[in-house]
Amino acid sequence: MLDLAAKTLGLECMTLFDHNRRQREQEQAPLATRMRPRTLEEFVGQEHLLGPGHVLDKTIRSDQVPSMVLWGPPGSGKTTLAYLIASMTKAHFIPVSAVSAGVADLRQAVAEAKELLGTTGQRTILFIDEVHRFNKAQQDAILPHVENGTVTFIAATTENPSFEVISALLSRSRVFALNSLTDEQLTALIQRTLVDNERGLGGQNVELKPDALEMLLVISAGDARVALNAIELAVSVTEPGTDGKRVVDRQTMEEVMQRRGPSYDKAGNAHYDTISAYIKSVRASDPDAAMYWLARMIEAGEDPMSIARRMVILAAEDIGMADPQALPLAVAAQQAVHFIGFPEGAIPLAEATVYLATAPKSNTAYMALNSALEEVRKGREYPVPLHLRNAVTGLMRDMGYGKDYKYSHDHPGHFAGQQNLPEEISQKRFYAPGEEGYEREVAERVRAWWGNKCEAGDK
């Protein structure tokens, strides 16, 4: 009896100790952590997923949560949503951070889930935050347990799951894409924080000036965590006035926020999205957009040689024969950056960007290459016509090598009009010149030389 009483007392003391510890942790936690919503009704944003009648809202409220990957930018509510699910489900919840966890931690979580399932029948949700930091072997370690239902898998990531989550695990999960918060949603969250006496800043009598709020919205860029942590710091360094009010103005907000680091991972999704936006803006002949995306890459610390390489490809693929000077200019920009380095190297990159964006566009050379490659790969391999072969020995001459070859410079206009393709594909047309820029002249020459062939190829 005494032993049992001692154990009970110890348990009660431990529970009280844990309660006090958790309370202190909550009080000392950053504002963004304290303000995490406790119900779906408090959750801000993601109405396309959590609005009434939407699939995620239904599955959470019915406690029928499937395995899922929550994909979205920083501060959009991925981890918050996972913990909301934990509070609303009857399943056991095991959170794991991929930043610090390893295979041993995953095995321990699976063992715990198996024991619960076998003894009480309770389901387990295994939540993996920053899942893109797990390698293939680590993801493989949980795959069979997701497949047989030992755990329900929930993951959060800022990176494209198509590239970061193994296909077998992805095929057993639903992917829910979260969006950055809008200015209206972020404003609502900030205003709620300023009046919340329990978890927020309601007890500090804070007034946030409109221009300070505007700056906060711009720099936080839809990231709730950045916005809340910034306003917490701004309030902490603002002394109360004679009326007890803490007035946070734009100057204070500028000092607190300084400048937000770009949301850009040179090896991740943001890198590919931004370079794609740059390429497509140049191709669309939009110098303003192209310059903006160039600035985004430069500011994020993108490798300037990587940008220059894309310019060279763009010049050949998308401008091509419409302006043959684009390619040497792009190469010159690459050489200039290599020669002078950064930050001055950004200037030739900017000049080349404007030139490429405003140049006439043609992809005919690229399309001609693709068309010829398709013929080579799928068609028959015809022998080189005899008149095009070099007769370097007497035997070769006797076999007809070089016979009837017409030397172009011996003919008017330096054009002989001789067939150079294998006879079987002599009417094939791979290069179809466009009518933009310099290529209009090229098209006229090609038609003058090969008029009949061009007409045949057009039909």
Protein backbone atom coordinates (compact mmCIF):
# COMPACT_ATOMS: atom_id res chain seq x y z
CA MET A 1 0.00 0.00 0.00
CA LEU A 2 2.82 2.37 0.92
CA ASP A 3 4.63 1.56 -2.31
CA LEU A 4 1.47 2.17 -4.28
CA ALA A 5 0.85 5.42 -2.42
CA ALA A 6 4.42 6.51 -3.06
CA LYS A 7 4.12 5.71 -6.75
CA THR A 8 0.80 7.55 -6.92
CA LEU A 9 2.30 10.55 -5.13
CA GLY A 10 5.29 10.46 -7.43
CA LEU A 11 3.03 10.35 -10.45
CA GLU A 12 1.02 13.29 -9.15
CA CYS A 13 4.20 15.24 -8.42
CA MET A 14 5.57 14.45 -11.85
CA THR A 15 2.28 15.51 -13.43
CA LEU A 16 2.33 18.77 -11.48
CA PHE A 17 5.99 19.29 -12.41
CA ASP A 18 5.23 18.65 -16.08
CA HIS A 19 2.25 20.99 -15.95
CA ASN A 20 4.36 23.80 -14.46
CA ARG A 21 7.15 23.18 -16.95
CA ARG A 22 4.76 23.27 -19.89
CA GLN A 23 3.19 26.45 -18.53
CA ARG A 24 6.61 28.14 -18.28
CA GLU A 25 7.51 26.98 -21.77
CA GLN A 26 4.26 28.42 -23.09
CA GLU A 27 4.85 31.76 -21.36
CA GLN A 28 8.41 32.01 -22.65
CA ALA A 29 7.67 30.75 -26.15
CA PRO A 30 7.84 33.20 -29.07
CA LEU A 31 4.62 35.03 -29.88
CA ALA A 32 4.14 33.02 -33.08
CA THR A 33 4.13 29.81 -31.02
CA ARG A 34 1.83 31.19 -28.34
CA MET A 35 -0.67 32.40 -30.94
CA ARG A 36 -1.02 29.08 -32.69
CA PRO A 37 -4.76 28.42 -33.09
CA ARG A 38 -6.35 25.86 -30.81
CA THR A 39 -9.36 25.20 -33.04
CA LEU A 40 -10.07 25.14 -36.75
CA GLU A 41 -12.22 28.24 -36.28
CA GLU A 42 -9.12 30.16 -35.10
CA PHE A 43 -7.03 29.02 -38.04
CA VAL A 44 -6.37 31.87 -40.51
CA GLY A 45 -6.14 31.21 -44.24
CA GLN A 46 -6.25 28.05 -46.39
CA GLU A 47 -10.02 28.30 -46.92
CA HIS A 48 -9.62 26.14 -50.03
CA LEU A 49 -8.71 23.27 -47.71
CA LEU A 50 -10.38 24.10 -44.40
CA GLY A 51 -13.48 26.00 -45.48
CA PRO A 52 -16.82 24.40 -44.57
CA GLY A 53 -17.45 21.34 -46.69
CA HIS A 54 -13.90 21.07 -48.03
CA VAL A 55 -12.19 17.71 -47.88
CA LEU A 56 -9.56 18.44 -45.22
CA ASP A 57 -12.10 20.09 -42.94
CA LYS A 58 -14.35 17.03 -43.25
CA THR A 59 -11.62 14.48 -42.60
CA ILE A 60 -10.34 16.30 -39.51
CA ARG A 61 -13.79 16.79 -37.96
CA SER A 62 -14.76 13.17 -38.63
CA ASP A 63 -11.43 11.89 -37.27
CA GLN A 64 -10.76 10.07 -40.54
CA VAL A 65 -7.41 11.71 -41.25
CA PRO A 66 -5.54 10.08 -44.17
CA SER A 67 -1.80 10.05 -44.70
CA MET A 68 -0.92 13.44 -46.16
CA VAL A 69 1.83 15.85 -47.13
CA LEU A 70 1.28 19.51 -46.24
CA TRP A 71 3.22 21.55 -48.79
CA GLY A 72 3.52 25.30 -48.58
CA PRO A 73 5.80 28.31 -48.04
CA PRO A 74 7.19 29.20 -44.60
CA GLY A 75 4.65 30.61 -42.17
CA SER A 76 1.59 29.30 -44.03
CA GLY A 77 0.45 27.07 -41.15
CA LYS A 78 1.70 23.57 -42.00
CA THR A 79 3.01 22.65 -38.55
CA THR A 80 0.14 24.48 -36.86
CA LEU A 81 -2.35 22.47 -38.88
CA ALA A 82 -0.61 19.23 -37.95
CA TYR A 83 -0.84 20.07 -34.24
CA LEU A 84 -4.48 21.07 -34.66
CA ILE A 85 -5.14 17.64 -36.10
CA ALA A 86 -3.32 16.17 -33.11
CA SER A 87 -5.60 18.02 -30.68
CA MET A 88 -8.79 17.03 -32.51
CA THR A 89 -8.10 13.39 -33.26
CA LYS A 90 -8.43 10.37 -30.97
CA ALA A 91 -5.22 8.98 -32.45
CA HIS A 92 -1.92 9.00 -30.60
CA PHE A 93 0.32 11.77 -32.00
CA ILE A 94 4.11 11.42 -32.37
CA PRO A 95 5.91 14.52 -33.73
CA VAL A 96 9.35 14.10 -35.29
CA SER A 97 11.62 16.79 -36.74
CA ALA A 98 13.61 15.65 -39.75
CA VAL A 99 16.26 18.22 -38.83
CA SER A 100 17.40 16.21 -35.81
CA ALA A 101 15.78 12.77 -36.05
CA GLY A 102 17.25 9.64 -37.61
CA VAL A 103 16.21 6.11 -38.48
CA ALA A 104 16.50 5.04 -34.83
CA ASP A 105 13.91 7.66 -33.82
CA LEU A 106 11.57 6.48 -36.55
CA ARG A 107 11.91 2.87 -35.44
CA GLN A 108 11.17 3.86 -31.85
CA ALA A 109 8.05 5.74 -33.01
CA VAL A 110 6.88 2.73 -35.04
CA ALA A 111 7.48 0.39 -32.08
CA GLU A 112 5.38 2.69 -29.87
CA ALA A 113 2.64 2.74 -32.49
CA LYS A 114 2.63 -1.05 -32.77
CA GLU A 115 2.35 -1.47 -29.01
CA LEU A 116 -0.57 0.94 -28.77
CA LEU A 117 -2.35 -0.67 -31.69
CA GLY A 118 -1.90 -4.12 -30.21
CA THR A 119 -2.86 -3.29 -26.62
CA THR A 120 -5.54 -0.62 -26.94
CA GLY A 121 -6.36 -0.52 -30.65
CA GLN A 122 -5.47 3.19 -30.75
CA ARG A 123 -4.21 4.59 -34.05
CA THR A 124 -0.99 6.63 -34.24
CA ILE A 125 -0.28 9.70 -36.34
CA LEU A 126 3.42 10.10 -37.13
CA PHE A 127 4.09 13.75 -37.97
CA ILE A 128 7.40 14.53 -39.70
CA ASP A 129 8.24 18.20 -39.92
CA GLU A 130 10.67 19.35 -42.66
CA VAL A 131 10.35 15.93 -44.32
CA HIS A 132 12.44 17.10 -47.29
CA ARG A 133 15.49 16.83 -45.01
CA PHE A 134 15.04 13.06 -44.77
CA ASN A 135 17.00 11.03 -47.30
CA LYS A 136 15.61 8.07 -49.23
CA ALA A 137 16.76 5.50 -46.66
CA GLN A 138 15.05 7.37 -43.84
CA GLN A 139 11.81 7.65 -45.80
CA ASP A 140 12.04 3.98 -46.77
CA ALA A 141 12.19 3.09 -43.06
CA ILE A 142 8.58 4.17 -42.47
CA LEU A 143 7.09 3.12 -45.82
CA PRO A 144 6.00 -0.42 -44.84
CA HIS A 145 4.39 0.86 -41.64
CA VAL A 146 2.40 3.47 -43.55
CA GLU A 147 1.39 0.80 -46.06
CA ASN A 148 0.15 -1.69 -43.44
CA GLY A 149 -1.63 0.97 -41.39
CA THR A 150 0.59 0.92 -38.30
CA VAL A 151 0.92 4.71 -38.57
CA THR A 152 -0.87 7.49 -40.38
CA PHE A 153 1.80 9.59 -42.04
CA ILE A 154 1.58 13.40 -41.95
CA ALA A 155 4.48 15.45 -43.26
CA ALA A 156 5.20 19.15 -43.68
CA THR A 157 7.56 20.58 -46.27
CA THR A 158 8.40 23.83 -48.02
CA GLU A 159 9.80 21.93 -51.03
CA ASN A 160 7.98 20.29 -53.91
CA PRO A 161 7.02 16.80 -52.67
CA SER A 162 7.37 15.44 -56.20
CA PHE A 163 11.12 15.88 -55.82
CA GLU A 164 11.60 15.49 -52.07
CA VAL A 165 9.29 12.62 -51.04
CA ILE A 166 9.87 9.13 -52.44
CA SER A 167 7.23 8.11 -54.96
CA ALA A 168 6.12 5.04 -52.98
CA LEU A 169 5.37 7.18 -49.92
CA LEU A 170 3.83 9.93 -52.03
CA SER A 171 1.47 7.49 -53.75
CA ARG A 172 0.08 6.51 -50.34
CA SER A 173 -0.53 10.11 -49.26
CA ARG A 174 -2.70 13.06 -50.22
CA VAL A 175 -0.80 16.25 -51.05
CA PHE A 176 -2.43 19.43 -49.74
CA ALA A 177 -0.89 22.67 -51.02
CA LEU A 178 -1.02 25.63 -48.64
CA ASN A 179 -0.68 29.25 -49.77
CA SER A 180 1.04 32.25 -48.24
CA LEU A 181 -1.36 34.34 -46.21
CA THR A 182 -2.90 37.33 -47.96
CA ASP A 183 -2.46 40.83 -46.54
CA GLU A 184 -6.07 40.72 -45.30
CA GLN A 185 -5.53 37.40 -43.51
CA LEU A 186 -2.25 38.54 -41.99
CA THR A 187 -3.85 41.80 -40.85
CA ALA A 188 -6.66 39.88 -39.15
CA LEU A 189 -4.11 37.69 -37.36
CA ILE A 190 -2.09 40.71 -36.20
CA GLN A 191 -5.18 42.52 -34.93
CA ARG A 192 -6.26 39.42 -33.03
CA THR A 193 -2.81 39.23 -31.45
CA LEU A 194 -2.91 42.86 -30.32
CA VAL A 195 -6.12 42.33 -28.34
CA ASP A 196 -5.50 38.80 -27.03
CA ASN A 197 -4.85 39.12 -23.29
CA GLU A 198 -4.12 35.44 -22.68
CA ARG A 199 -1.55 34.57 -25.34
CA GLY A 200 -1.00 37.73 -27.31
CA LEU A 201 -0.12 41.38 -26.62
CA GLY A 202 -3.51 42.53 -25.36
CA GLY A 203 -2.16 43.44 -21.94
CA GLN A 204 0.52 45.77 -23.31
CA ASN A 205 -1.78 48.46 -24.76
CA VAL A 206 -0.19 48.43 -28.22
CA GLU A 207 -1.05 50.77 -31.09
CA LEU A 208 0.36 49.80 -34.47
CA LYS A 209 0.56 52.73 -36.84
CA PRO A 210 -0.87 52.12 -40.36
CA ASP A 211 2.46 52.77 -42.09
CA ALA A 212 4.19 50.35 -39.70
CA LEU A 213 1.55 47.72 -40.48
CA GLU A 214 2.05 48.33 -44.20
CA MET A 215 5.78 47.75 -43.91
CA LEU A 216 5.22 44.66 -41.78
CA LEU A 217 2.94 43.17 -44.44
CA VAL A 218 5.38 43.90 -47.26
CA ILE A 219 8.46 42.44 -45.61
CA SER A 220 6.75 39.43 -44.00
CA ALA A 221 5.36 38.51 -47.46
CA GLY A 222 2.56 36.31 -46.18
CA ASP A 223 4.67 34.57 -43.53
CA ALA A 224 2.72 34.64 -40.25
CA ARG A 225 5.73 33.55 -38.18
CA VAL A 226 7.90 36.41 -39.45
CA ALA A 227 5.13 38.95 -38.89
CA LEU A 228 4.31 37.89 -35.33
CA ASN A 229 7.89 37.59 -34.19
CA ALA A 230 8.69 40.99 -35.69
CA ILE A 231 5.81 42.73 -33.96
CA GLU A 232 6.73 41.06 -30.66
CA LEU A 233 10.24 42.48 -30.89
CA ALA A 234 8.93 45.90 -31.94
CA VAL A 235 6.61 46.04 -28.92
CA SER A 236 9.39 44.91 -26.56
CA VAL A 237 11.67 47.80 -27.61
CA THR A 238 8.90 50.42 -27.56
CA GLU A 239 8.61 52.31 -24.28
CA PRO A 240 5.11 53.17 -23.06
CA GLY A 241 4.05 56.80 -23.35
CA THR A 242 2.66 58.90 -20.52
CA ASP A 243 -0.75 57.40 -21.26
CA GLY A 244 0.69 53.86 -20.97
CA LYS A 245 0.28 53.18 -24.68
CA ARG A 246 3.08 51.57 -26.72
CA VAL A 247 2.96 53.19 -30.17
CA VAL A 248 4.84 51.18 -32.79
CA ASP A 249 5.66 53.45 -35.73
CA ARG A 250 7.32 52.80 -39.09
CA GLN A 251 10.79 53.78 -37.86
CA THR A 252 10.64 51.19 -35.08
CA MET A 253 9.41 48.56 -37.50
CA GLU A 254 12.24 49.38 -39.91
CA GLU A 255 14.82 48.97 -37.16
CA VAL A 256 13.30 45.70 -36.04
CA MET A 257 12.81 44.06 -39.41
CA GLN A 258 15.80 45.52 -41.25
CA ARG A 259 15.45 43.31 -44.31
CA ARG A 260 14.00 39.87 -44.60
CA GLY A 261 16.21 37.20 -46.13
CA PRO A 262 14.86 36.06 -49.50
CA SER A 263 12.76 32.90 -49.47
CA TYR A 264 15.17 31.20 -51.83
CA ASP A 265 17.00 27.89 -51.58
CA LYS A 266 19.64 27.58 -54.30
CA ALA A 267 19.21 23.81 -54.33
CA GLY A 268 15.47 23.75 -53.81
CA ASN A 269 12.11 24.58 -55.27
CA ALA A 270 12.41 28.38 -55.08
CA HIS A 271 15.57 28.23 -57.19
CA TYR A 272 13.85 26.37 -60.02
CA ASP A 273 10.67 28.44 -59.81
CA THR A 274 12.58 31.73 -60.03
CA ILE A 275 14.86 30.72 -62.89
CA SER A 276 11.78 29.40 -64.72
CA ALA A 277 10.06 32.76 -64.25
CA TYR A 278 13.15 34.54 -65.58
CA ILE A 279 13.42 32.33 -68.67
CA LYS A 280 9.73 32.64 -69.52
CA SER A 281 9.78 36.41 -69.05
CA VAL A 282 12.68 36.79 -71.50
CA ARG A 283 10.94 34.45 -73.94
CA ALA A 284 7.78 36.56 -73.58
CA SER A 285 9.75 39.73 -74.53
CA ASP A 286 8.96 41.34 -71.15
CA PRO A 287 12.09 43.24 -70.03
CA ASP A 288 10.48 44.52 -66.83
CA ALA A 289 9.54 41.06 -65.56
CA ALA A 290 12.86 39.63 -66.71
CA MET A 291 14.75 42.32 -64.80
CA TYR A 292 12.65 41.71 -61.67
CA TRP A 293 13.37 37.97 -61.64
CA LEU A 294 17.04 38.66 -62.36
CA ALA A 295 17.14 40.98 -59.34
CA ARG A 296 15.45 38.31 -57.20
CA MET A 297 18.15 35.80 -58.14
CA ILE A 298 20.99 38.26 -57.59
CA GLU A 299 19.64 39.35 -54.22
CA ALA A 300 19.24 35.72 -53.11
CA GLY A 301 22.89 34.99 -53.93
CA GLU A 302 22.32 32.83 -56.98
CA ASP A 303 25.50 31.70 -58.73
CA PRO A 304 26.05 34.35 -61.46
CA MET A 305 27.55 31.71 -63.77
CA SER A 306 24.31 29.76 -63.50
CA ILE A 307 22.37 32.86 -64.62
CA ALA A 308 24.82 33.47 -67.46
CA ARG A 309 24.53 29.87 -68.65
CA ARG A 310 20.76 30.25 -68.86
CA MET A 311 21.24 33.42 -70.91
CA VAL A 312 23.43 31.59 -73.43
CA ILE A 313 20.84 28.82 -73.75
CA LEU A 314 18.06 31.39 -74.13
CA ALA A 315 19.96 33.22 -76.87
CA ALA A 316 20.34 30.04 -78.90
CA GLU A 317 16.98 28.45 -78.19
CA ASP A 318 14.51 31.35 -78.15
CA ILE A 319 16.16 34.09 -80.22
CA GLY A 320 18.28 32.07 -82.56
CA MET A 321 18.33 33.17 -86.17
CA ALA A 322 15.99 36.12 -85.57
CA ASP A 323 19.05 37.90 -84.10
CA PRO A 324 22.28 35.88 -84.43
CA GLN A 325 24.09 38.55 -82.38
CA ALA A 326 22.19 37.49 -79.26
CA LEU A 327 24.34 34.39 -78.76
CA PRO A 328 27.74 36.12 -78.90
CA LEU A 329 26.37 38.90 -76.68
CA ALA A 330 25.20 36.34 -74.09
CA VAL A 331 28.59 34.63 -74.21
CA ALA A 332 30.25 38.06 -73.82
CA ALA A 333 28.11 38.70 -70.72
CA GLN A 334 29.21 35.36 -69.28
CA GLN A 335 32.85 36.20 -69.95
CA ALA A 336 32.43 39.68 -68.45
CA VAL A 337 30.95 38.27 -65.23
CA HIS A 338 33.75 35.73 -65.06
CA PHE A 339 36.33 38.48 -65.63
CA ILE A 340 35.10 41.20 -63.26
CA GLY A 341 33.12 39.20 -60.69
CA PHE A 342 30.32 40.52 -58.48
CA PRO A 343 28.80 42.94 -57.66
CA GLU A 344 29.85 44.78 -60.84
CA GLY A 345 29.16 41.63 -62.88
CA ALA A 346 25.45 42.22 -62.34
CA ILE A 347 25.61 45.09 -64.83
CA PRO A 348 26.49 43.00 -67.92
CA LEU A 349 23.89 40.46 -66.79
CA ALA A 350 21.31 43.26 -66.72
CA GLU A 351 22.40 44.54 -70.15
CA ALA A 352 22.22 41.07 -71.65
CA THR A 353 18.80 40.51 -70.05
CA VAL A 354 17.39 43.65 -71.67
CA TYR A 355 18.91 42.72 -75.05
CA LEU A 356 17.55 39.18 -74.97
CA ALA A 357 14.11 40.24 -73.76
CA THR A 358 13.72 42.90 -76.45
CA ALA A 359 15.26 40.90 -79.31
CA PRO A 360 13.03 39.31 -81.98
CA LYS A 361 12.31 35.68 -81.14
CA SER A 362 12.73 32.51 -83.17
CA ASN A 363 13.13 28.90 -82.12
CA THR A 364 13.47 27.55 -85.66
CA ALA A 365 17.08 26.41 -85.23
CA TYR A 366 16.13 24.54 -82.06
CA MET A 367 13.08 23.00 -83.76
CA ALA A 368 15.20 22.04 -86.79
CA LEU A 369 17.61 20.21 -84.51
CA ASN A 370 14.76 18.36 -82.77
CA SER A 371 13.21 17.42 -86.09
CA ALA A 372 16.51 16.11 -87.45
CA LEU A 373 17.19 14.19 -84.24
CA GLU A 374 13.77 12.57 -84.46
CA GLU A 375 14.49 11.47 -88.03
CA VAL A 376 17.88 10.07 -87.02
CA ARG A 377 16.47 8.22 -84.02
CA LYS A 378 13.31 6.84 -85.59
CA GLY A 379 14.13 6.64 -89.30
CA ARG A 380 16.45 4.33 -91.19
CA GLU A 381 20.17 5.01 -91.27
CA TYR A 382 20.77 5.81 -94.92
CA PRO A 383 24.29 5.77 -96.40
CA VAL A 384 26.02 9.04 -97.23
CA PRO A 385 25.45 9.80 -100.98
CA LEU A 386 28.51 8.94 -103.03
CA HIS A 387 29.03 12.46 -104.38
CA LEU A 388 29.42 13.77 -100.80
CA ARG A 389 32.12 11.29 -99.85
CA ASN A 390 35.81 12.17 -100.01
CA ALA A 391 37.77 10.08 -102.51
CA VAL A 392 41.09 9.90 -100.67
CA THR A 393 42.31 6.71 -102.44
CA GLY A 394 42.19 5.36 -105.97
CA LEU A 395 39.91 2.54 -104.87
CA MET A 396 37.44 5.04 -103.50
CA ARG A 397 37.46 6.99 -106.78
CA ASP A 398 36.84 3.76 -108.66
CA MET A 399 33.87 3.08 -106.40
CA GLY A 400 32.33 6.47 -107.29
CA TYR A 401 33.27 8.46 -104.19
CA GLY A 402 33.02 12.17 -105.01
CA LYS A 403 31.69 11.53 -108.51
CA ASP A 404 29.53 14.36 -109.90
CA TYR A 405 30.14 16.55 -106.85
CA LYS A 406 29.44 20.20 -107.71
CA TYR A 407 31.77 22.74 -106.09
CA SER A 408 29.45 25.58 -105.03
CA HIS A 409 31.97 28.36 -105.68
CA ASP A 410 32.15 27.41 -109.37
CA HIS A 411 28.47 28.31 -109.86
CA PRO A 412 26.60 31.62 -110.10
CA GLY A 413 25.79 33.03 -106.72
CA HIS A 414 28.00 30.34 -105.18
CA PHE A 415 25.01 28.02 -105.26
CA ALA A 416 24.94 24.71 -107.15
CA GLY A 417 21.51 23.43 -106.07
CA GLN A 418 22.82 19.89 -105.61
CA GLN A 419 20.93 17.39 -103.46
CA ASN A 420 22.76 16.68 -100.19
CA LEU A 421 20.32 14.49 -98.31
CA PRO A 422 19.97 10.74 -98.90
CA GLU A 423 17.59 10.20 -101.81
CA GLU A 424 15.01 8.47 -99.62
CA ILE A 425 14.46 11.61 -97.52
CA SER A 426 15.39 14.22 -100.11
CA GLN A 427 12.07 16.06 -99.66
CA LYS A 428 12.30 16.24 -95.88
CA ARG A 429 12.38 19.74 -94.45
CA PHE A 430 13.93 20.20 -91.04
CA TYR A 431 14.63 23.94 -90.96
CA ALA A 432 11.66 26.22 -91.61
CA PRO A 433 12.91 29.83 -91.31
CA GLY A 434 10.67 32.34 -89.59
CA GLU A 435 9.85 35.90 -90.58
CA GLU A 436 11.14 37.76 -87.51
CA GLY A 437 14.15 40.07 -87.51
CA TYR A 438 17.23 38.93 -89.39
CA GLU A 439 15.64 35.58 -90.14
CA ARG A 440 13.35 37.23 -92.68
CA GLU A 441 16.44 37.71 -94.86
CA VAL A 442 17.44 34.10 -94.25
CA ALA A 443 13.97 32.94 -95.28
CA GLU A 444 14.20 34.90 -98.54
CA ARG A 445 17.58 33.34 -99.39
CA VAL A 446 16.39 29.83 -98.58
CA ARG A 447 13.31 30.29 -100.76
CA ALA A 448 15.44 31.67 -103.60
CA TRP A 449 17.77 28.65 -103.39
CA TRP A 450 15.36 25.84 -102.62
CA GLY A 451 11.99 27.20 -103.70
CA ASN A 452 10.61 23.92 -104.99
CA LYS A 453 11.79 22.03 -101.96
CA CYS A 454 10.40 24.62 -99.56
CA GLU A 455 7.02 24.46 -101.24
CA ALA A 456 7.07 20.68 -101.04
CA GLY A 457 8.04 20.80 -97.39
CA ASP A 458 5.24 23.27 -96.59
CA LYS A 459 2.54 20.97 -97.95
